[in-house]
PDB file of N, CA and C in Angstrom:
ATOM      1  N   MET A   1     -20.186 -34.300  12.007  1.00  0.00           N
ATOM      2  CA  MET A   1     -20.927 -33.648  13.055  1.00  0.00           C
ATOM      3  C   MET A   1     -22.263 -33.200  12.478  1.00  0.00           C
ATOM      4  N   GLU A   2     -23.279 -33.502  13.132  1.00  0.00           N
ATOM      5  CA  GLU A   2     -24.624 -33.126  12.729  1.00  0.00           C
ATOM      6  C   GLU A   2     -24.988 -31.784  13.364  1.00  0.00           C
ATOM      7  N   PRO A   3     -25.761 -30.974  12.642  1.00  0.00           N
ATOM      8  CA  PRO A   3     -26.204 -29.733  13.270  1.00  0.00           C
ATOM      9  C   PRO A   3     -27.062 -30.062  14.480  1.00  0.00           C
ATOM     10  N   GLY A   4     -26.814 -29.427  15.539  1.00  0.00           N
ATOM     11  CA  GLY A   4     -27.572 -29.682  16.748  1.00  0.00           C
ATOM     12  C   GLY A   4     -26.816 -30.522  17.744  1.00  0.00           C
ATOM     13  N   ASP A   5     -25.732 -31.236  17.300  1.00  0.00           N
ATOM     14  CA  ASP A   5     -24.957 -32.040  18.245  1.00  0.00           C
ATOM     15  C   ASP A   5     -24.299 -31.152  19.295  1.00  0.00           C
ATOM     16  N   SER A   6     -23.479 -30.225  18.831  1.00  0.00           N
ATOM     17  CA  SER A   6     -22.816 -29.356  19.801  1.00  0.00           C
ATOM     18  C   SER A   6     -23.125 -27.892  19.558  1.00  0.00           C
ATOM     19  N   TRP A   7     -23.625 -27.548  18.383  1.00  0.00           N
ATOM     20  CA  TRP A   7     -23.921 -26.153  18.083  1.00  0.00           C
ATOM     21  C   TRP A   7     -25.242 -25.723  18.699  1.00  0.00           C
ATOM     22  N   GLY A   8     -26.144 -26.629  18.817  1.00  0.00           N
ATOM     23  CA  GLY A   8     -27.484 -26.280  19.267  1.00  0.00           C
ATOM     24  C   GLY A   8     -28.322 -25.828  18.080  1.00  0.00           C
ATOM     25  N   ARG A   9     -29.605 -25.953  18.227  1.00  0.00           N
ATOM     26  CA  ARG A   9     -30.513 -25.544  17.154  1.00  0.00           C
ATOM     27  C   ARG A   9     -30.793 -24.055  17.252  1.00  0.00           C
ATOM     28  N   SER A  10     -30.870 -23.448  16.116  1.00  0.00           N
ATOM     29  CA  SER A  10     -31.253 -22.041  16.070  1.00  0.00           C
ATOM     30  C   SER A  10     -32.086 -21.833  14.818  1.00  0.00           C
ATOM     31  N   GLU A  11     -32.598 -20.637  14.669  1.00  0.00           N
ATOM     32  CA  GLU A  11     -33.415 -20.349  13.482  1.00  0.00           C
ATOM     33  C   GLU A  11     -32.563 -20.272  12.226  1.00  0.00           C
ATOM     34  N   HIS A  12     -31.243 -20.121  12.396  1.00  0.00           N
ATOM     35  CA  HIS A  12     -30.358 -20.008  11.233  1.00  0.00           C
ATOM     36  C   HIS A  12     -29.843 -21.351  10.750  1.00  0.00           C
ATOM     37  N   THR A  13     -30.051 -22.404  11.514  1.00  0.00           N
ATOM     38  CA  THR A  13     -29.500 -23.699  11.149  1.00  0.00           C
ATOM     39  C   THR A  13     -30.055 -24.197   9.822  1.00  0.00           C
ATOM     40  N   SER A  14     -31.355 -24.058   9.606  1.00  0.00           N
ATOM     41  CA  SER A  14     -31.944 -24.549   8.359  1.00  0.00           C
ATOM     42  C   SER A  14     -31.466 -23.726   7.166  1.00  0.00           C
ATOM     43  N   SER A  15     -31.311 -22.409   7.331  1.00  0.00           N
ATOM     44  CA  SER A  15     -30.834 -21.588   6.212  1.00  0.00           C
ATOM     45  C   SER A  15     -29.364 -21.879   5.921  1.00  0.00           C
ATOM     46  N   ILE A  16     -28.581 -22.153   6.958  1.00  0.00           N
ATOM     47  CA  ILE A  16     -27.178 -22.501   6.751  1.00  0.00           C
ATOM     48  C   ILE A  16     -27.072 -23.839   6.026  1.00  0.00           C
ATOM     49  N   MET A  17     -27.903 -24.791   6.420  1.00  0.00           N
ATOM     50  CA  MET A  17     -27.881 -26.096   5.766  1.00  0.00           C
ATOM     51  C   MET A  17     -28.311 -25.980   4.306  1.00  0.00           C
ATOM     52  N   ALA A  18     -29.276 -25.115   4.020  1.00  0.00           N
ATOM     53  CA  ALA A  18     -29.716 -24.914   2.642  1.00  0.00           C
ATOM     54  C   ALA A  18     -28.600 -24.296   1.807  1.00  0.00           C
ATOM     55  N   LEU A  19     -27.889 -23.338   2.381  1.00  0.00           N
ATOM     56  CA  LEU A  19     -26.769 -22.725   1.661  1.00  0.00           C
ATOM     57  C   LEU A  19     -25.644 -23.724   1.426  1.00  0.00           C
ATOM     58  N   LEU A  20     -25.369 -24.561   2.400  1.00  0.00           N
ATOM     59  CA  LEU A  20     -24.346 -25.590   2.217  1.00  0.00           C
ATOM     60  C   LEU A  20     -24.743 -26.586   1.137  1.00  0.00           C
ATOM     61  N   ALA A  21     -26.029 -26.922   1.067  1.00  0.00           N
ATOM     62  CA  ALA A  21     -26.499 -27.837   0.019  1.00  0.00           C
ATOM     63  C   ALA A  21     -26.351 -27.201  -1.357  1.00  0.00           C
ATOM     64  N   ILE A  22     -26.663 -25.925  -1.457  1.00  0.00           N
ATOM     65  CA  ILE A  22     -26.512 -25.225  -2.743  1.00  0.00           C
ATOM     66  C   ILE A  22     -25.043 -25.151  -3.128  1.00  0.00           C
ATOM     67  N   ALA A  23     -24.182 -24.850  -2.154  1.00  0.00           N
ATOM     68  CA  ALA A  23     -22.756 -24.733  -2.432  1.00  0.00           C
ATOM     69  C   ALA A  23     -22.151 -26.064  -2.854  1.00  0.00           C
ATOM     70  N   GLY A  24     -22.698 -27.149  -2.386  1.00  0.00           N
ATOM     71  CA  GLY A  24     -22.160 -28.466  -2.703  1.00  0.00           C
ATOM     72  C   GLY A  24     -22.568 -28.978  -4.067  1.00  0.00           C
ATOM     73  N   LYS A  25     -23.568 -28.400  -4.671  1.00  0.00           N
ATOM     74  CA  LYS A  25     -24.031 -28.845  -5.981  1.00  0.00           C
ATOM     75  C   LYS A  25     -23.058 -28.405  -7.064  1.00  0.00           C
ATOM     76  N   PRO A  26     -22.905 -29.226  -8.104  1.00  0.00           N
ATOM     77  CA  PRO A  26     -22.056 -28.798  -9.213  1.00  0.00           C
ATOM     78  C   PRO A  26     -22.750 -27.674  -9.991  1.00  0.00           C
ATOM     79  N   ASP A  27     -21.935 -26.815 -10.574  1.00  0.00           N
ATOM     80  CA  ASP A  27     -22.486 -25.703 -11.357  1.00  0.00           C
ATOM     81  C   ASP A  27     -23.040 -26.225 -12.676  1.00  0.00           C
ATOM     82  N   ASP A  28     -24.266 -25.860 -12.958  1.00  0.00           N
ATOM     83  CA  ASP A  28     -24.875 -26.218 -14.223  1.00  0.00           C
ATOM     84  C   ASP A  28     -24.745 -25.081 -15.235  1.00  0.00           C
ATOM     85  N   VAL A  29     -24.198 -23.977 -14.792  1.00  0.00           N
ATOM     86  CA  VAL A  29     -24.089 -22.808 -15.659  1.00  0.00           C
ATOM     87  C   VAL A  29     -22.882 -22.985 -16.574  1.00  0.00           C
ATOM     88  N   GLU A  30     -23.125 -22.844 -17.847  1.00  0.00           N
ATOM     89  CA  GLU A  30     -22.063 -22.940 -18.837  1.00  0.00           C
ATOM     90  C   GLU A  30     -21.971 -21.588 -19.535  1.00  0.00           C
ATOM     91  N   PHE A  31     -20.814 -20.964 -19.440  1.00  0.00           N
ATOM     92  CA  PHE A  31     -20.629 -19.662 -20.078  1.00  0.00           C
ATOM     93  C   PHE A  31     -20.233 -19.847 -21.531  1.00  0.00           C
ATOM     94  N   SER A  32     -20.602 -18.882 -22.343  1.00  0.00           N
ATOM     95  CA  SER A  32     -20.201 -18.924 -23.745  1.00  0.00           C
ATOM     96  C   SER A  32     -18.708 -18.610 -23.837  1.00  0.00           C
ATOM     97  N   ALA A  33     -18.127 -18.914 -24.975  1.00  0.00           N
ATOM     98  CA  ALA A  33     -16.693 -18.662 -25.177  1.00  0.00           C
ATOM     99  C   ALA A  33     -16.400 -17.171 -25.078  1.00  0.00           C
ATOM    100  N   GLU A  34     -17.320 -16.351 -25.589  1.00  0.00           N
ATOM    101  CA  GLU A  34     -17.135 -14.901 -25.516  1.00  0.00           C
ATOM    102  C   GLU A  34     -17.167 -14.419 -24.070  1.00  0.00           C
ATOM    103  N   ARG A  35     -18.081 -14.959 -23.298  1.00  0.00           N
ATOM    104  CA  ARG A  35     -18.197 -14.563 -21.886  1.00  0.00           C
ATOM    105  C   ARG A  35     -16.959 -15.005 -21.105  1.00  0.00           C
ATOM    106  N   ARG A  36     -16.468 -16.240 -21.354  1.00  0.00           N
ATOM    107  CA  ARG A  36     -15.256 -16.714 -20.684  1.00  0.00           C
ATOM    108  C   ARG A  36     -14.059 -15.851 -21.038  1.00  0.00           C
ATOM    109  N   ALA A  37     -13.950 -15.464 -22.323  1.00  0.00           N
ATOM    110  CA  ALA A  37     -12.839 -14.612 -22.754  1.00  0.00           C
ATOM    111  C   ALA A  37     -12.915 -13.243 -22.080  1.00  0.00           C
ATOM    112  N   ARG A  38     -14.120 -12.698 -21.955  1.00  0.00           N
ATOM    113  CA  ARG A  38     -14.293 -11.394 -21.308  1.00  0.00           C
ATOM    114  C   ARG A  38     -13.936 -11.468 -19.818  1.00  0.00           C
ATOM    115  N   ILE A  39     -14.358 -12.556 -19.158  1.00  0.00           N
ATOM    116  CA  ILE A  39     -14.027 -12.740 -17.743  1.00  0.00           C
ATOM    117  C   ILE A  39     -12.516 -12.869 -17.572  1.00  0.00           C
ATOM    118  N   LEU A  40     -11.881 -13.664 -18.420  1.00  0.00           N
ATOM    119  CA  LEU A  40     -10.434 -13.833 -18.352  1.00  0.00           C
ATOM    120  C   LEU A  40      -9.722 -12.506 -18.586  1.00  0.00           C
ATOM    121  N   HIS A  41     -10.181 -11.747 -19.559  1.00  0.00           N
ATOM    122  CA  HIS A  41      -9.585 -10.437 -19.849  1.00  0.00           C
ATOM    123  C   HIS A  41      -9.708  -9.517 -18.635  1.00  0.00           C
ATOM    124  N   ASN A  42     -10.877  -9.490 -18.007  1.00  0.00           N
ATOM    125  CA  ASN A  42     -11.074  -8.632 -16.835  1.00  0.00           C
ATOM    126  C   ASN A  42     -10.191  -9.062 -15.661  1.00  0.00           C
ATOM    127  N   VAL A  43     -10.068 -10.358 -15.464  1.00  0.00           N
ATOM    128  CA  VAL A  43      -9.221 -10.855 -14.369  1.00  0.00           C
ATOM    129  C   VAL A  43      -7.764 -10.488 -14.625  1.00  0.00           C
ATOM    130  N   LEU A  44      -7.284 -10.695 -15.846  1.00  0.00           N
ATOM    131  CA  LEU A  44      -5.897 -10.364 -16.165  1.00  0.00           C
ATOM    132  C   LEU A  44      -5.638  -8.865 -16.074  1.00  0.00           C
ATOM    133  N   ALA A  45      -6.618  -8.058 -16.474  1.00  0.00           N
ATOM    134  CA  ALA A  45      -6.465  -6.606 -16.354  1.00  0.00           C
ATOM    135  C   ALA A  45      -6.376  -6.199 -14.891  1.00  0.00           C
ATOM    136  N   ARG A  46      -7.168  -6.821 -14.044  1.00  0.00           N
ATOM    137  CA  ARG A  46      -7.136  -6.510 -12.610  1.00  0.00           C
ATOM    138  C   ARG A  46      -5.806  -6.925 -11.990  1.00  0.00           C
ATOM    139  N   VAL A  47      -5.303  -8.088 -12.388  1.00  0.00           N
ATOM    140  CA  VAL A  47      -4.015  -8.556 -11.875  1.00  0.00           C
ATOM    141  C   VAL A  47      -2.907  -7.593 -12.290  1.00  0.00           C
ATOM    142  N   GLU A  48      -2.916  -7.154 -13.526  1.00  0.00           N
ATOM    143  CA  GLU A  48      -1.898  -6.217 -13.999  1.00  0.00           C
ATOM    144  C   GLU A  48      -2.007  -4.871 -13.287  1.00  0.00           C
ATOM    145  N   LYS A  49      -3.214  -4.427 -13.047  1.00  0.00           N
ATOM    146  CA  LYS A  49      -3.422  -3.166 -12.321  1.00  0.00           C
ATOM    147  C   LYS A  49      -2.884  -3.274 -10.894  1.00  0.00           C
ATOM    148  N   ASP A  50      -3.131  -4.405 -10.243  1.00  0.00           N
ATOM    149  CA  ASP A  50      -2.617  -4.618  -8.888  1.00  0.00           C
ATOM    150  C   ASP A  50      -1.091  -4.687  -8.880  1.00  0.00           C
ATOM    151  N   ARG A  51      -0.502  -5.332  -9.889  1.00  0.00           N
ATOM    152  CA  ARG A  51       0.959  -5.391  -9.981  1.00  0.00           C
ATOM    153  C   ARG A  51       1.554  -4.002 -10.159  1.00  0.00           C
ATOM    154  N   GLU A  52       0.938  -3.207 -11.004  1.00  0.00           N
ATOM    155  CA  GLU A  52       1.432  -1.847 -11.245  1.00  0.00           C
ATOM    156  C   GLU A  52       1.345  -1.012  -9.966  1.00  0.00           C
ATOM    157  N   ARG A  53       0.262  -1.173  -9.236  1.00  0.00           N
ATOM    158  CA  ARG A  53       0.101  -0.438  -7.980  1.00  0.00           C
ATOM    159  C   ARG A  53       1.167  -0.848  -6.974  1.00  0.00           C
ATOM    160  N   ARG A  54       1.441  -2.155  -6.885  1.00  0.00           N
ATOM    161  CA  ARG A  54       2.485  -2.622  -5.972  1.00  0.00           C
ATOM    162  C   ARG A  54       3.858  -2.111  -6.389  1.00  0.00           C
ATOM    163  N   ARG A  55       4.132  -2.095  -7.714  1.00  0.00           N
ATOM    164  CA  ARG A  55       5.410  -1.564  -8.207  1.00  0.00           C
ATOM    165  C   ARG A  55       5.569  -0.100  -7.832  1.00  0.00           C
ATOM    166  N   LEU A  56       4.502   0.659  -7.986  1.00  0.00           N
ATOM    167  CA  LEU A  56       4.540   2.079  -7.656  1.00  0.00           C
ATOM    168  C   LEU A  56       4.783   2.280  -6.167  1.00  0.00           C
ATOM    169  N   LEU A  57       4.114   1.511  -5.319  1.00  0.00           N
ATOM    170  CA  LEU A  57       4.319   1.627  -3.879  1.00  0.00           C
ATOM    171  C   LEU A  57       5.739   1.230  -3.483  1.00  0.00           C
ATOM    172  N   ARG A  58       6.270   0.188  -4.109  1.00  0.00           N
ATOM    173  CA  ARG A  58       7.641  -0.219  -3.805  1.00  0.00           C
ATOM    174  C   ARG A  58       8.638   0.844  -4.234  1.00  0.00           C
ATOM    175  N   ALA A  59       8.413   1.452  -5.403  1.00  0.00           N
ATOM    176  CA  ALA A  59       9.312   2.512  -5.864  1.00  0.00           C
ATOM    177  C   ALA A  59       9.256   3.709  -4.931  1.00  0.00           C
ATOM    178  N   PHE A  60       8.066   4.074  -4.483  1.00  0.00           N
ATOM    179  CA  PHE A  60       7.934   5.181  -3.545  1.00  0.00           C
ATOM    180  C   PHE A  60       8.650   4.873  -2.240  1.00  0.00           C
ATOM    181  N   ALA A  61       8.466   3.673  -1.718  1.00  0.00           N
ATOM    182  CA  ALA A  61       9.120   3.287  -0.465  1.00  0.00           C
ATOM    183  C   ALA A  61      10.638   3.271  -0.621  1.00  0.00           C
ATOM    184  N   ALA A  62      11.120   2.788  -1.750  1.00  0.00           N
ATOM    185  CA  ALA A  62      12.567   2.763  -1.984  1.00  0.00           C
ATOM    186  C   ALA A  62      13.121   4.184  -2.070  1.00  0.00           C
ATOM    187  N   GLY A  63      12.427   5.069  -2.750  1.00  0.00           N
ATOM    188  CA  GLY A  63      12.878   6.457  -2.847  1.00  0.00           C
ATOM    189  C   GLY A  63      12.864   7.154  -1.504  1.00  0.00           C
ATOM    190  N   ALA A  64      11.805   6.946  -0.729  1.00  0.00           N
ATOM    191  CA  ALA A  64      11.709   7.586   0.584  1.00  0.00           C
ATOM    192  C   ALA A  64      12.790   7.065   1.519  1.00  0.00           C
ATOM    193  N   SER A  65      13.044   5.769   1.500  1.00  0.00           N
ATOM    194  CA  SER A  65      14.080   5.224   2.379  1.00  0.00           C
ATOM    195  C   SER A  65      15.463   5.691   1.938  1.00  0.00           C
ATOM    196  N   THR A  66      15.682   5.846   0.647  1.00  0.00           N
ATOM    197  CA  THR A  66      16.963   6.354   0.159  1.00  0.00           C
ATOM    198  C   THR A  66      17.198   7.776   0.651  1.00  0.00           C
ATOM    199  N   VAL A  67      16.172   8.605   0.585  1.00  0.00           N
ATOM    200  CA  VAL A  67      16.295   9.981   1.070  1.00  0.00           C
ATOM    201  C   VAL A  67      16.580   9.994   2.567  1.00  0.00           C
ATOM    202  N   LEU A  68      15.900   9.148   3.329  1.00  0.00           N
ATOM    203  CA  LEU A  68      16.143   9.087   4.771  1.00  0.00           C
ATOM    204  C   LEU A  68      17.567   8.632   5.088  1.00  0.00           C
ATOM    205  N   VAL A  69      18.031   7.608   4.415  1.00  0.00           N
ATOM    206  CA  VAL A  69      19.383   7.117   4.667  1.00  0.00           C
ATOM    207  C   VAL A  69      20.414   8.172   4.271  1.00  0.00           C
ATOM    208  N   ALA A  70      20.212   8.837   3.144  1.00  0.00           N
ATOM    209  CA  ALA A  70      21.153   9.881   2.724  1.00  0.00           C
ATOM    210  C   ALA A  70      21.167  11.027   3.734  1.00  0.00           C
ATOM    211  N   GLY A  71      20.006  11.397   4.233  1.00  0.00           N
ATOM    212  CA  GLY A  71      19.943  12.457   5.242  1.00  0.00           C
ATOM    213  C   GLY A  71      20.640  12.064   6.522  1.00  0.00           C
ATOM    214  N   LEU A  72      20.444  10.830   6.963  1.00  0.00           N
ATOM    215  CA  LEU A  72      21.111  10.362   8.177  1.00  0.00           C
ATOM    216  C   LEU A  72      22.623  10.299   8.002  1.00  0.00           C
ATOM    217  N   LEU A  73      23.070   9.816   6.859  1.00  0.00           N
ATOM    218  CA  LEU A  73      24.508   9.780   6.595  1.00  0.00           C
ATOM    219  C   LEU A  73      25.099  11.178   6.553  1.00  0.00           C
ATOM    220  N   LEU A  74      24.393  12.101   5.953  1.00  0.00           N
ATOM    221  CA  LEU A  74      24.866  13.483   5.904  1.00  0.00           C
ATOM    222  C   LEU A  74      24.976  14.066   7.306  1.00  0.00           C
ATOM    223  N   LYS A  75      24.001  13.771   8.151  1.00  0.00           N
ATOM    224  CA  LYS A  75      24.053  14.234   9.539  1.00  0.00           C
ATOM    225  C   LYS A  75      25.246  13.623  10.261  1.00  0.00           C
ATOM    226  N   LEU A  76      25.506  12.336  10.046  1.00  0.00           N
ATOM    227  CA  LEU A  76      26.636  11.682  10.701  1.00  0.00           C
ATOM    228  C   LEU A  76      27.966  12.245  10.221  1.00  0.00           C
ATOM    229  N   ILE A  77      28.061  12.519   8.931  1.00  0.00           N
ATOM    230  CA  ILE A  77      29.311  13.029   8.373  1.00  0.00           C
ATOM    231  C   ILE A  77      29.586  14.449   8.862  1.00  0.00           C
ATOM    232  N   THR A  78      28.586  15.303   8.833  1.00  0.00           N
ATOM    233  CA  THR A  78      28.790  16.705   9.217  1.00  0.00           C
ATOM    234  C   THR A  78      28.740  16.902  10.717  1.00  0.00           C
ATOM    235  N   GLY A  79      28.235  15.959  11.441  1.00  0.00           N
ATOM    236  CA  GLY A  79      28.111  16.084  12.890  1.00  0.00           C
ATOM    237  C   GLY A  79      26.716  16.531  13.243  1.00  0.00           C
ATOM    238  N   ILE A  80      26.145  15.888  14.208  1.00  0.00           N
ATOM    239  CA  ILE A  80      24.753  16.155  14.552  1.00  0.00           C
ATOM    240  C   ILE A  80      24.602  17.499  15.240  1.00  0.00           C
ATOM    241  N   ALA A  81      25.512  17.835  16.171  1.00  0.00           N
ATOM    242  CA  ALA A  81      25.355  19.049  16.959  1.00  0.00           C
ATOM    243  C   ALA A  81      26.186  20.206  16.427  1.00  0.00           C
ATOM    244  N   ALA A  82      26.777  20.073  15.270  1.00  0.00           N
ATOM    245  CA  ALA A  82      27.612  21.148  14.737  1.00  0.00           C
ATOM    246  C   ALA A  82      26.729  22.259  14.202  1.00  0.00           C
ATOM    247  N   PRO A  83      26.787  23.455  14.815  1.00  0.00           N
ATOM    248  CA  PRO A  83      25.978  24.555  14.307  1.00  0.00           C
ATOM    249  C   PRO A  83      26.595  25.126  13.037  1.00  0.00           C
ATOM    250  N   ALA A  84      25.773  25.712  12.244  1.00  0.00           N
ATOM    251  CA  ALA A  84      26.260  26.352  11.027  1.00  0.00           C
ATOM    252  C   ALA A  84      26.989  27.627  11.415  1.00  0.00           C
ATOM    253  N   THR A  85      28.201  27.803  10.932  1.00  0.00           N
ATOM    254  CA  THR A  85      28.967  29.011  11.261  1.00  0.00           C
ATOM    255  C   THR A  85      28.933  29.954  10.071  1.00  0.00           C
ATOM    256  N   PRO A  86      28.458  31.166  10.267  1.00  0.00           N
ATOM    257  CA  PRO A  86      28.426  32.120   9.151  1.00  0.00           C
ATOM    258  C   PRO A  86      29.826  32.644   8.863  1.00  0.00           C
ATOM    259  N   SER A  87      30.000  33.161   7.681  1.00  0.00           N
ATOM    260  CA  SER A  87      31.292  33.740   7.324  1.00  0.00           C
ATOM    261  C   SER A  87      31.512  35.010   8.148  1.00  0.00           C
ATOM    262  N   PRO A  88      32.770  35.418   8.388  1.00  0.00           N
ATOM    263  CA  PRO A  88      33.035  36.603   9.217  1.00  0.00           C
ATOM    264  C   PRO A  88      32.404  37.874   8.671  1.00  0.00           C
ATOM    265  N   GLN A  89      32.332  38.039   7.350  1.00  0.00           N
ATOM    266  CA  GLN A  89      31.733  39.254   6.801  1.00  0.00           C
ATOM    267  C   GLN A  89      30.224  39.274   7.058  1.00  0.00           C
ATOM    268  N   MET A  90      29.594  38.122   7.026  1.00  0.00           N
ATOM    269  CA  MET A  90      28.148  38.049   7.191  1.00  0.00           C
ATOM    270  C   MET A  90      27.751  38.090   8.665  1.00  0.00           C
ATOM    271  N   ALA A  91      28.651  37.751   9.563  1.00  0.00           N
ATOM    272  CA  ALA A  91      28.319  37.701  10.976  1.00  0.00           C
ATOM    273  C   ALA A  91      28.060  39.085  11.556  1.00  0.00           C
ATOM    274  N   ASP A  92      28.671  40.112  10.995  1.00  0.00           N
ATOM    275  CA  ASP A  92      28.536  41.464  11.532  1.00  0.00           C
ATOM    276  C   ASP A  92      27.256  42.153  11.096  1.00  0.00           C
ATOM    277  N   THR A  93      26.583  41.662  10.106  1.00  0.00           N
ATOM    278  CA  THR A  93      25.412  42.351   9.565  1.00  0.00           C
ATOM    279  C   THR A  93      24.141  41.581   9.866  1.00  0.00           C
ATOM    280  N   THR A  94      23.057  42.296   9.950  1.00  0.00           N
ATOM    281  CA  THR A  94      21.750  41.670  10.094  1.00  0.00           C
ATOM    282  C   THR A  94      21.238  41.350   8.696  1.00  0.00           C
ATOM    283  N   PRO A  95      20.183  40.563   8.587  1.00  0.00           N
ATOM    284  CA  PRO A  95      19.672  40.233   7.243  1.00  0.00           C
ATOM    285  C   PRO A  95      19.264  41.470   6.452  1.00  0.00           C
ATOM    286  N   ILE A  96      18.778  42.481   7.113  1.00  0.00           N
ATOM    287  CA  ILE A  96      18.371  43.704   6.378  1.00  0.00           C
ATOM    288  C   ILE A  96      19.603  44.386   5.795  1.00  0.00           C
ATOM    289  N   HIS A  97      20.687  44.494   6.593  1.00  0.00           N
ATOM    290  CA  HIS A  97      21.897  45.115   6.106  1.00  0.00           C
ATOM    291  C   HIS A  97      22.545  44.311   5.010  1.00  0.00           C
ATOM    292  N   ARG A  98      22.429  42.969   5.104  1.00  0.00           N
ATOM    293  CA  ARG A  98      23.011  42.114   4.061  1.00  0.00           C
ATOM    294  C   ARG A  98      22.322  42.336   2.735  1.00  0.00           C
ATOM    295  N   SER A  99      20.999  42.422   2.729  1.00  0.00           N
ATOM    296  CA  SER A  99      20.303  42.600   1.454  1.00  0.00           C
ATOM    297  C   SER A  99      20.576  43.983   0.885  1.00  0.00           C
ATOM    298  N   ALA A 100      20.774  44.988   1.747  1.00  0.00           N
ATOM    299  CA  ALA A 100      21.078  46.331   1.268  1.00  0.00           C
ATOM    300  C   ALA A 100      22.486  46.403   0.752  1.00  0.00           C
ATOM    301  N   ALA A 101      23.408  45.653   1.343  1.00  0.00           N
ATOM    302  CA  ALA A 101      24.797  45.686   0.924  1.00  0.00           C
ATOM    303  C   ALA A 101      24.996  44.981  -0.412  1.00  0.00           C
ATOM    304  N   GLU A 102      24.176  44.028  -0.693  1.00  0.00           N
ATOM    305  CA  GLU A 102      24.313  43.282  -1.950  1.00  0.00           C
ATOM    306  C   GLU A 102      23.704  44.067  -3.045  1.00  0.00           C
TER     307      GLU A 102
END
């Protein structure tokens, strides 16, 4: 497909074609061995950093889901609508009297 066939001409067509021509050329840039090693080191460090971040997020998600499941199971075992029943000695006193009695 030629530019202008279906896209129509615009002021950006020539700049897009120039960029495509540049992108299609082979790279003439040759990096030194030291530069290639530094680039490789930086890429590997970034990959390891991303892996560590993903591991941390997965561990957090696993811990949070474990707490949620344990809480739900505890609710199911004890009963959802079961109110807490105080002991008979504690039921007769208010919190102020309880702290004074202790």
